[in-house]
Amino acid sequence: MSKKCLAALIAAAPLVPGAAAFAGHVAVVPPGTVPTGMLAAHSSIEDVPVSALVRAVAPDGTDLFVQHVQLGANSATGWHTHPGPALVAIADGSLTYEDARANRCNRIVYEEGEGFVDRGFGHVHRAIAGSDGVDFYVVYLLPPGTPMHVISAGGPSECAS
């Protein structure tokens, strides 16, 4: 797949709020209850792992999931991974993305208007909301037939508290 086609797929993904309906095995928010318009726009995302995006796209397509996540003040997701890449846009508040790299615990804070790509495919991480909580949107690009978008995992030893 060319970079141009991949960029078009990624750009179009947030425009399809009902796209997760094709998954068939998760509860989907009725499209009529979601206001029209951009859910996130101009979120700055650096270091996009193109190889992970390409890996998720098979000759017969990819499974697309779109999710709105809301975490209360200072709450955290559990440690987990995804079966493919996840594109994240922070809509309100802030979150700390925590993972292990180069034998140390890595923590990066993302604010409203920023975003990141988790490469998935076994990369274990978690998100911790800031003091005011966080709302963010995630677009998952998963190999066709993927049964779930989040897989629980143990936290890396480098991040043990």
N, C-alpha and C. Protein backbone atom coordinates (compact mmCIF):
# COMPACT_ATOMS: atom_id res chain seq x y z
N MET A 1 0.85 -1.17 0.00
CA MET A 1 0.00 0.00 0.00
C MET A 1 0.90 1.22 0.00
N SER A 2 0.59 2.20 -0.84
CA SER A 2 1.42 3.39 -0.92
C SER A 2 1.18 4.28 0.30
N LYS A 3 2.16 5.13 0.60
CA LYS A 3 2.03 6.05 1.72
C LYS A 3 0.84 6.98 1.50
N LYS A 4 0.58 7.35 0.24
CA LYS A 4 -0.53 8.24 -0.08
C LYS A 4 -1.87 7.58 0.25
N CYS A 5 -2.04 6.30 -0.10
CA CYS A 5 -3.28 5.58 0.21
C CYS A 5 -3.42 5.39 1.71
N LEU A 6 -2.33 5.08 2.39
CA LEU A 6 -2.36 4.89 3.84
C LEU A 6 -2.75 6.19 4.53
N ALA A 7 -2.19 7.31 4.07
CA ALA A 7 -2.53 8.60 4.65
C ALA A 7 -4.00 8.92 4.45
N ALA A 8 -4.55 8.59 3.29
CA ALA A 8 -5.97 8.82 3.04
C ALA A 8 -6.84 7.98 3.96
N LEU A 9 -6.46 6.73 4.19
CA LEU A 9 -7.21 5.85 5.08
C LEU A 9 -7.21 6.42 6.50
N ILE A 10 -6.06 6.86 6.97
CA ILE A 10 -5.95 7.40 8.32
C ILE A 10 -6.74 8.69 8.44
N ALA A 11 -6.65 9.55 7.44
CA ALA A 11 -7.38 10.82 7.48
C ALA A 11 -8.88 10.60 7.47
N ALA A 12 -9.36 9.59 6.77
CA ALA A 12 -10.80 9.34 6.67
C ALA A 12 -11.36 8.64 7.89
N ALA A 13 -10.55 7.93 8.63
CA ALA A 13 -11.05 7.12 9.75
C ALA A 13 -11.88 7.91 10.75
N PRO A 14 -11.42 9.10 11.22
CA PRO A 14 -12.23 9.81 12.21
C PRO A 14 -13.54 10.35 11.65
N LEU A 15 -13.69 10.37 10.34
CA LEU A 15 -14.91 10.88 9.73
C LEU A 15 -16.03 9.86 9.72
N VAL A 16 -15.78 8.68 10.21
CA VAL A 16 -16.75 7.58 10.14
C VAL A 16 -17.10 7.11 11.56
N PRO A 17 -17.86 7.92 12.34
CA PRO A 17 -18.11 7.53 13.71
C PRO A 17 -18.86 6.22 13.86
N GLY A 18 -19.61 5.79 12.89
CA GLY A 18 -20.33 4.53 12.99
C GLY A 18 -19.56 3.36 12.43
N ALA A 19 -18.30 3.56 12.05
CA ALA A 19 -17.53 2.51 11.39
C ALA A 19 -17.35 1.28 12.27
N ALA A 20 -17.33 1.45 13.57
CA ALA A 20 -17.16 0.30 14.45
C ALA A 20 -18.34 -0.66 14.36
N ALA A 21 -19.44 -0.23 13.79
CA ALA A 21 -20.61 -1.10 13.64
C ALA A 21 -20.28 -2.34 12.84
N PHE A 22 -19.32 -2.25 11.95
CA PHE A 22 -18.95 -3.39 11.14
C PHE A 22 -18.31 -4.51 11.96
N ALA A 23 -17.80 -4.17 13.15
CA ALA A 23 -17.18 -5.18 13.98
C ALA A 23 -18.19 -6.22 14.44
N GLY A 24 -19.42 -5.81 14.73
CA GLY A 24 -20.48 -6.74 15.05
C GLY A 24 -20.42 -7.39 16.42
N HIS A 25 -19.31 -7.32 17.12
CA HIS A 25 -19.18 -8.01 18.40
C HIS A 25 -18.96 -7.05 19.57
N VAL A 26 -19.08 -5.76 19.34
CA VAL A 26 -18.97 -4.78 20.41
C VAL A 26 -20.18 -3.87 20.36
N ALA A 27 -20.53 -3.30 21.51
CA ALA A 27 -21.64 -2.35 21.54
C ALA A 27 -21.23 -1.09 20.79
N VAL A 28 -22.09 -0.60 19.94
CA VAL A 28 -21.80 0.57 19.13
C VAL A 28 -22.79 1.68 19.52
N VAL A 29 -22.29 2.89 19.70
CA VAL A 29 -23.13 4.03 20.00
C VAL A 29 -23.98 4.33 18.77
N PRO A 30 -25.30 4.47 18.92
CA PRO A 30 -26.14 4.78 17.76
C PRO A 30 -25.68 6.09 17.12
N PRO A 31 -25.47 6.12 15.82
CA PRO A 31 -24.96 7.33 15.17
C PRO A 31 -25.81 8.57 15.43
N GLY A 32 -27.12 8.41 15.61
CA GLY A 32 -27.98 9.56 15.85
C GLY A 32 -27.72 10.25 17.17
N THR A 33 -27.02 9.60 18.10
CA THR A 33 -26.73 10.21 19.40
C THR A 33 -25.39 10.93 19.42
N VAL A 34 -24.63 10.82 18.35
CA VAL A 34 -23.33 11.47 18.26
C VAL A 34 -23.49 12.73 17.41
N PRO A 35 -23.11 13.89 17.96
CA PRO A 35 -23.24 15.10 17.15
C PRO A 35 -22.35 15.03 15.91
N THR A 36 -22.81 15.64 14.83
CA THR A 36 -21.99 15.67 13.62
C THR A 36 -20.85 16.68 13.82
N GLY A 37 -19.86 16.57 13.00
CA GLY A 37 -18.73 17.47 13.08
C GLY A 37 -17.47 16.70 13.42
N MET A 38 -16.39 17.41 13.48
CA MET A 38 -15.10 16.80 13.78
C MET A 38 -15.03 16.48 15.26
N LEU A 39 -14.69 15.26 15.59
CA LEU A 39 -14.52 14.89 16.99
C LEU A 39 -13.14 15.32 17.49
N ALA A 40 -12.19 15.38 16.62
CA ALA A 40 -10.85 15.90 16.90
C ALA A 40 -10.31 16.43 15.58
N ALA A 41 -9.54 17.48 15.66
CA ALA A 41 -8.96 18.06 14.44
C ALA A 41 -7.60 18.67 14.75
N HIS A 42 -6.71 18.55 13.83
CA HIS A 42 -5.37 19.13 13.92
C HIS A 42 -4.61 18.66 15.17
N SER A 43 -4.89 17.44 15.62
CA SER A 43 -4.11 16.90 16.73
C SER A 43 -2.71 16.61 16.21
N SER A 44 -1.72 17.09 16.91
CA SER A 44 -0.35 16.92 16.48
C SER A 44 0.16 15.54 16.90
N ILE A 45 0.49 14.71 15.93
CA ILE A 45 0.99 13.36 16.20
C ILE A 45 2.36 13.22 15.54
N GLU A 46 3.36 12.92 16.36
CA GLU A 46 4.72 12.75 15.86
C GLU A 46 5.08 11.27 15.87
N ASP A 47 6.12 10.92 15.17
CA ASP A 47 6.68 9.57 15.18
C ASP A 47 5.64 8.49 14.87
N VAL A 48 4.95 8.63 13.76
CA VAL A 48 3.95 7.64 13.34
C VAL A 48 4.69 6.41 12.82
N PRO A 49 4.47 5.24 13.47
CA PRO A 49 5.16 4.02 13.04
C PRO A 49 4.47 3.42 11.80
N VAL A 50 4.88 3.88 10.64
CA VAL A 50 4.25 3.47 9.39
C VAL A 50 4.28 1.95 9.23
N SER A 51 5.34 1.29 9.69
CA SER A 51 5.41 -0.17 9.54
C SER A 51 4.27 -0.86 10.29
N ALA A 52 3.86 -0.35 11.45
CA ALA A 52 2.74 -0.95 12.20
C ALA A 52 1.43 -0.73 11.46
N LEU A 53 1.27 0.45 10.84
CA LEU A 53 0.04 0.72 10.09
C LEU A 53 -0.05 -0.21 8.88
N VAL A 54 1.05 -0.37 8.18
CA VAL A 54 1.08 -1.25 7.02
C VAL A 54 0.81 -2.70 7.43
N ARG A 55 1.37 -3.13 8.56
CA ARG A 55 1.19 -4.50 9.05
C ARG A 55 -0.28 -4.81 9.34
N ALA A 56 -1.06 -3.80 9.76
CA ALA A 56 -2.47 -4.01 10.11
C ALA A 56 -3.37 -4.10 8.88
N VAL A 57 -2.88 -3.65 7.74
CA VAL A 57 -3.70 -3.63 6.52
C VAL A 57 -3.37 -4.85 5.68
N ALA A 58 -4.35 -5.72 5.52
CA ALA A 58 -4.19 -6.93 4.72
C ALA A 58 -4.74 -6.70 3.32
N PRO A 59 -4.43 -7.59 2.37
CA PRO A 59 -4.96 -7.42 1.01
C PRO A 59 -6.49 -7.33 0.99
N ASP A 60 -7.16 -7.97 1.96
CA ASP A 60 -8.62 -7.91 2.00
C ASP A 60 -9.13 -6.84 2.96
N GLY A 61 -8.28 -5.90 3.37
CA GLY A 61 -8.70 -4.77 4.19
C GLY A 61 -8.23 -4.84 5.62
N THR A 62 -8.88 -4.08 6.45
CA THR A 62 -8.55 -3.99 7.87
C THR A 62 -9.84 -3.78 8.65
N ASP A 63 -9.82 -4.12 9.93
CA ASP A 63 -10.95 -3.84 10.80
C ASP A 63 -10.72 -2.49 11.47
N LEU A 64 -11.72 -1.63 11.44
CA LEU A 64 -11.63 -0.29 12.01
C LEU A 64 -12.54 -0.20 13.22
N PHE A 65 -12.00 0.27 14.33
CA PHE A 65 -12.77 0.55 15.54
C PHE A 65 -12.53 2.02 15.87
N VAL A 66 -13.57 2.74 16.29
CA VAL A 66 -13.44 4.12 16.73
C VAL A 66 -14.05 4.19 18.13
N GLN A 67 -13.29 4.71 19.10
CA GLN A 67 -13.76 4.71 20.48
C GLN A 67 -13.50 6.06 21.15
N HIS A 68 -14.47 6.50 21.96
CA HIS A 68 -14.30 7.66 22.83
C HIS A 68 -14.02 7.11 24.22
N VAL A 69 -12.90 7.49 24.81
CA VAL A 69 -12.54 7.03 26.15
C VAL A 69 -12.54 8.24 27.08
N GLN A 70 -13.11 8.04 28.26
CA GLN A 70 -13.14 9.09 29.27
C GLN A 70 -12.62 8.49 30.58
N LEU A 71 -11.60 9.11 31.15
CA LEU A 71 -11.04 8.67 32.43
C LEU A 71 -11.16 9.81 33.43
N GLY A 72 -11.55 9.48 34.66
CA GLY A 72 -11.63 10.48 35.72
C GLY A 72 -10.25 10.91 36.17
N ALA A 73 -10.22 11.93 36.99
CA ALA A 73 -8.97 12.51 37.47
C ALA A 73 -8.04 11.45 38.04
N ASN A 74 -6.82 11.43 37.53
CA ASN A 74 -5.73 10.57 38.01
C ASN A 74 -6.00 9.07 37.90
N SER A 75 -7.04 8.67 37.18
CA SER A 75 -7.30 7.23 37.03
C SER A 75 -6.50 6.68 35.85
N ALA A 76 -6.28 5.37 35.89
CA ALA A 76 -5.44 4.74 34.87
C ALA A 76 -6.16 3.57 34.22
N THR A 77 -5.83 3.34 32.98
CA THR A 77 -6.26 2.10 32.33
C THR A 77 -5.39 1.00 32.92
N GLY A 78 -5.78 -0.22 32.76
CA GLY A 78 -4.87 -1.30 33.13
C GLY A 78 -3.78 -1.42 32.08
N TRP A 79 -2.75 -2.16 32.41
CA TRP A 79 -1.70 -2.44 31.42
C TRP A 79 -2.32 -3.30 30.33
N HIS A 80 -2.02 -2.97 29.09
CA HIS A 80 -2.64 -3.68 27.97
C HIS A 80 -1.84 -3.51 26.69
N THR A 81 -2.27 -4.20 25.67
CA THR A 81 -1.74 -4.03 24.33
C THR A 81 -2.91 -4.08 23.35
N HIS A 82 -2.62 -3.89 22.09
CA HIS A 82 -3.65 -3.94 21.04
C HIS A 82 -3.15 -4.87 19.93
N PRO A 83 -4.07 -5.52 19.23
CA PRO A 83 -3.65 -6.41 18.15
C PRO A 83 -3.24 -5.67 16.87
N GLY A 84 -3.16 -4.37 16.94
CA GLY A 84 -2.74 -3.53 15.82
C GLY A 84 -2.53 -2.12 16.33
N PRO A 85 -2.18 -1.18 15.47
CA PRO A 85 -1.92 0.19 15.91
C PRO A 85 -3.18 0.92 16.35
N ALA A 86 -2.99 1.85 17.29
CA ALA A 86 -4.07 2.69 17.80
C ALA A 86 -3.64 4.15 17.66
N LEU A 87 -4.43 4.94 16.96
CA LEU A 87 -4.17 6.37 16.77
C LEU A 87 -5.00 7.12 17.80
N VAL A 88 -4.36 7.91 18.63
CA VAL A 88 -5.01 8.56 19.77
C VAL A 88 -4.95 10.08 19.62
N ALA A 89 -6.11 10.75 19.84
CA ALA A 89 -6.19 12.21 19.83
C ALA A 89 -6.79 12.66 21.16
N ILE A 90 -6.07 13.51 21.89
CA ILE A 90 -6.54 14.02 23.18
C ILE A 90 -7.51 15.16 22.89
N ALA A 91 -8.78 14.99 23.32
CA ALA A 91 -9.81 15.99 23.06
C ALA A 91 -9.95 16.99 24.21
N ASP A 92 -9.73 16.53 25.45
CA ASP A 92 -9.87 17.40 26.61
C ASP A 92 -9.04 16.83 27.75
N GLY A 93 -8.36 17.69 28.48
CA GLY A 93 -7.55 17.23 29.60
C GLY A 93 -6.17 16.78 29.15
N SER A 94 -5.58 15.89 29.95
CA SER A 94 -4.26 15.38 29.61
C SER A 94 -4.13 13.94 30.09
N LEU A 95 -3.17 13.23 29.50
CA LEU A 95 -2.89 11.88 29.96
C LEU A 95 -1.40 11.62 29.87
N THR A 96 -0.97 10.70 30.71
CA THR A 96 0.41 10.24 30.68
C THR A 96 0.41 8.86 30.05
N TYR A 97 1.18 8.70 28.99
CA TYR A 97 1.34 7.41 28.31
C TYR A 97 2.58 6.77 28.92
N GLU A 98 2.42 5.56 29.44
CA GLU A 98 3.51 4.90 30.15
C GLU A 98 3.82 3.57 29.49
N ASP A 99 5.10 3.33 29.21
CA ASP A 99 5.58 2.07 28.67
C ASP A 99 7.04 1.90 29.05
N ALA A 100 7.64 0.82 28.63
CA ALA A 100 9.05 0.58 28.92
C ALA A 100 9.83 0.61 27.60
N ARG A 101 10.95 1.32 27.63
CA ARG A 101 11.85 1.39 26.48
C ARG A 101 13.28 1.47 26.99
N ALA A 102 14.15 0.78 26.32
CA ALA A 102 15.58 0.82 26.64
C ALA A 102 15.83 0.53 28.12
N ASN A 103 15.13 -0.48 28.64
CA ASN A 103 15.30 -0.92 30.03
C ASN A 103 14.95 0.13 31.09
N ARG A 104 14.04 1.05 30.75
CA ARG A 104 13.57 2.01 31.73
C ARG A 104 12.11 2.34 31.48
N CYS A 105 11.43 2.81 32.52
CA CYS A 105 10.03 3.19 32.38
C CYS A 105 9.97 4.56 31.70
N ASN A 106 9.16 4.67 30.69
CA ASN A 106 9.03 5.88 29.90
C ASN A 106 7.65 6.48 30.15
N ARG A 107 7.59 7.77 30.44
CA ARG A 107 6.32 8.45 30.67
C ARG A 107 6.30 9.73 29.85
N ILE A 108 5.27 9.86 29.00
CA ILE A 108 5.12 11.05 28.17
C ILE A 108 3.74 11.64 28.43
N VAL A 109 3.67 12.93 28.71
CA VAL A 109 2.41 13.61 28.95
C VAL A 109 1.91 14.22 27.64
N TYR A 110 0.65 13.95 27.33
CA TYR A 110 0.00 14.51 26.14
C TYR A 110 -1.15 15.39 26.61
N GLU A 111 -1.25 16.58 26.02
CA GLU A 111 -2.27 17.56 26.37
C GLU A 111 -3.32 17.65 25.26
N GLU A 112 -4.39 18.35 25.55
CA GLU A 112 -5.44 18.59 24.55
C GLU A 112 -4.82 19.09 23.25
N GLY A 113 -5.27 18.52 22.12
CA GLY A 113 -4.75 18.91 20.82
C GLY A 113 -3.52 18.13 20.38
N GLU A 114 -3.05 17.25 21.25
CA GLU A 114 -1.91 16.41 20.90
C GLU A 114 -2.38 14.97 20.75
N GLY A 115 -1.52 14.13 20.24
CA GLY A 115 -1.87 12.73 20.09
C GLY A 115 -0.64 11.89 19.86
N PHE A 116 -0.88 10.60 19.69
CA PHE A 116 0.22 9.66 19.49
C PHE A 116 -0.33 8.41 18.83
N VAL A 117 0.58 7.57 18.39
CA VAL A 117 0.21 6.28 17.83
C VAL A 117 0.87 5.21 18.69
N ASP A 118 0.06 4.31 19.21
CA ASP A 118 0.62 3.13 19.87
C ASP A 118 0.75 2.07 18.79
N ARG A 119 1.91 1.48 18.65
CA ARG A 119 2.15 0.55 17.54
C ARG A 119 1.45 -0.78 17.69
N GLY A 120 0.98 -1.12 18.91
CA GLY A 120 0.25 -2.37 19.10
C GLY A 120 1.12 -3.59 18.89
N PHE A 121 0.48 -4.70 18.50
CA PHE A 121 1.18 -5.95 18.22
C PHE A 121 2.06 -6.38 19.39
N GLY A 122 1.49 -6.33 20.61
CA GLY A 122 2.21 -6.79 21.78
C GLY A 122 2.92 -5.72 22.58
N HIS A 123 2.92 -4.49 22.13
CA HIS A 123 3.56 -3.39 22.86
C HIS A 123 2.70 -3.04 24.08
N VAL A 124 3.19 -3.33 25.29
CA VAL A 124 2.43 -3.15 26.53
C VAL A 124 2.59 -1.72 27.05
N HIS A 125 1.46 -1.12 27.45
CA HIS A 125 1.44 0.26 27.91
C HIS A 125 0.19 0.50 28.74
N ARG A 126 0.07 1.70 29.28
CA ARG A 126 -1.16 2.15 29.93
C ARG A 126 -1.25 3.65 29.82
N ALA A 127 -2.45 4.18 30.12
CA ALA A 127 -2.68 5.62 30.11
C ALA A 127 -3.15 6.03 31.50
N ILE A 128 -2.65 7.16 31.96
CA ILE A 128 -3.04 7.69 33.26
C ILE A 128 -3.57 9.11 33.04
N ALA A 129 -4.81 9.35 33.48
CA ALA A 129 -5.43 10.67 33.30
C ALA A 129 -4.74 11.71 34.17
N GLY A 130 -4.77 12.94 33.70
CA GLY A 130 -4.24 14.05 34.48
C GLY A 130 -5.18 14.43 35.61
N SER A 131 -4.86 15.47 36.33
CA SER A 131 -5.62 15.87 37.51
C SER A 131 -7.05 16.33 37.20
N ASP A 132 -7.33 16.69 35.96
CA ASP A 132 -8.68 17.08 35.56
C ASP A 132 -9.38 15.99 34.76
N GLY A 133 -8.79 14.81 34.67
CA GLY A 133 -9.35 13.74 33.84
C GLY A 133 -8.96 13.94 32.39
N VAL A 134 -9.49 13.06 31.53
CA VAL A 134 -9.15 13.14 30.11
C VAL A 134 -10.27 12.52 29.28
N ASP A 135 -10.50 13.10 28.13
CA ASP A 135 -11.35 12.53 27.08
C ASP A 135 -10.44 12.39 25.87
N PHE A 136 -10.44 11.20 25.26
CA PHE A 136 -9.66 11.03 24.04
C PHE A 136 -10.37 10.08 23.09
N TYR A 137 -10.02 10.21 21.83
CA TYR A 137 -10.57 9.36 20.77
C TYR A 137 -9.46 8.44 20.28
N VAL A 138 -9.84 7.20 20.03
CA VAL A 138 -8.88 6.22 19.53
C VAL A 138 -9.43 5.61 18.25
N VAL A 139 -8.60 5.54 17.23
CA VAL A 139 -8.93 4.83 16.00
C VAL A 139 -7.99 3.63 15.94
N TYR A 140 -8.57 2.44 15.98
CA TYR A 140 -7.80 1.20 15.92
C TYR A 140 -7.85 0.66 14.50
N LEU A 141 -6.70 0.31 13.94
CA LEU A 141 -6.60 -0.37 12.65
C LEU A 141 -6.08 -1.77 12.96
N LEU A 142 -6.97 -2.75 12.82
CA LEU A 142 -6.65 -4.10 13.27
C LEU A 142 -6.72 -5.10 12.13
N PRO A 143 -5.93 -6.15 12.20
CA PRO A 143 -6.01 -7.18 11.17
C PRO A 143 -7.45 -7.70 11.04
N PRO A 144 -7.88 -8.02 9.83
CA PRO A 144 -9.25 -8.50 9.63
C PRO A 144 -9.59 -9.68 10.54
N GLY A 145 -10.80 -9.62 11.12
CA GLY A 145 -11.27 -10.71 11.97
C GLY A 145 -10.79 -10.65 13.40
N THR A 146 -10.11 -9.57 13.78
CA THR A 146 -9.63 -9.44 15.15
C THR A 146 -10.82 -9.44 16.11
N PRO A 147 -10.81 -10.33 17.12
CA PRO A 147 -11.97 -10.44 18.00
C PRO A 147 -12.12 -9.29 19.00
N MET A 148 -11.03 -8.64 19.41
CA MET A 148 -11.13 -7.54 20.38
C MET A 148 -10.04 -6.52 20.12
N HIS A 149 -10.27 -5.30 20.60
CA HIS A 149 -9.31 -4.22 20.34
C HIS A 149 -8.34 -3.97 21.49
N VAL A 150 -8.61 -4.53 22.67
CA VAL A 150 -7.72 -4.36 23.82
C VAL A 150 -7.45 -5.73 24.43
N ILE A 151 -6.19 -5.98 24.75
CA ILE A 151 -5.78 -7.25 25.36
C ILE A 151 -5.05 -6.92 26.67
N SER A 152 -5.59 -7.38 27.80
CA SER A 152 -4.95 -7.14 29.10
C SER A 152 -3.58 -7.78 29.13
N ALA A 153 -2.65 -7.15 29.85
CA ALA A 153 -1.29 -7.66 29.93
C ALA A 153 -0.68 -7.22 31.27
N GLY A 154 0.34 -7.92 31.68
CA GLY A 154 1.08 -7.51 32.87
C GLY A 154 1.95 -6.33 32.56
N GLY A 155 2.15 -5.47 33.55
CA GLY A 155 3.00 -4.30 33.35
C GLY A 155 4.46 -4.66 33.26
N PRO A 156 5.24 -3.89 32.54
CA PRO A 156 6.67 -4.18 32.42
C PRO A 156 7.37 -3.98 33.76
N SER A 157 8.37 -4.79 34.05
CA SER A 157 9.09 -4.72 35.33
C SER A 157 9.75 -3.34 35.52
N GLU A 158 10.14 -2.69 34.45
CA GLU A 158 10.76 -1.37 34.54
C GLU A 158 9.81 -0.33 35.14
N CYS A 159 8.51 -0.57 35.04
CA CYS A 159 7.51 0.40 35.53
C CYS A 159 6.86 -0.03 36.84
N ALA A 160 7.41 -1.06 37.48
CA ALA A 160 6.85 -1.51 38.76
C ALA A 160 7.04 -0.41 39.82
N SER A 161 5.99 -0.14 40.55
CA SER A 161 6.08 0.92 41.58
C SER A 161 6.22 0.32 42.94
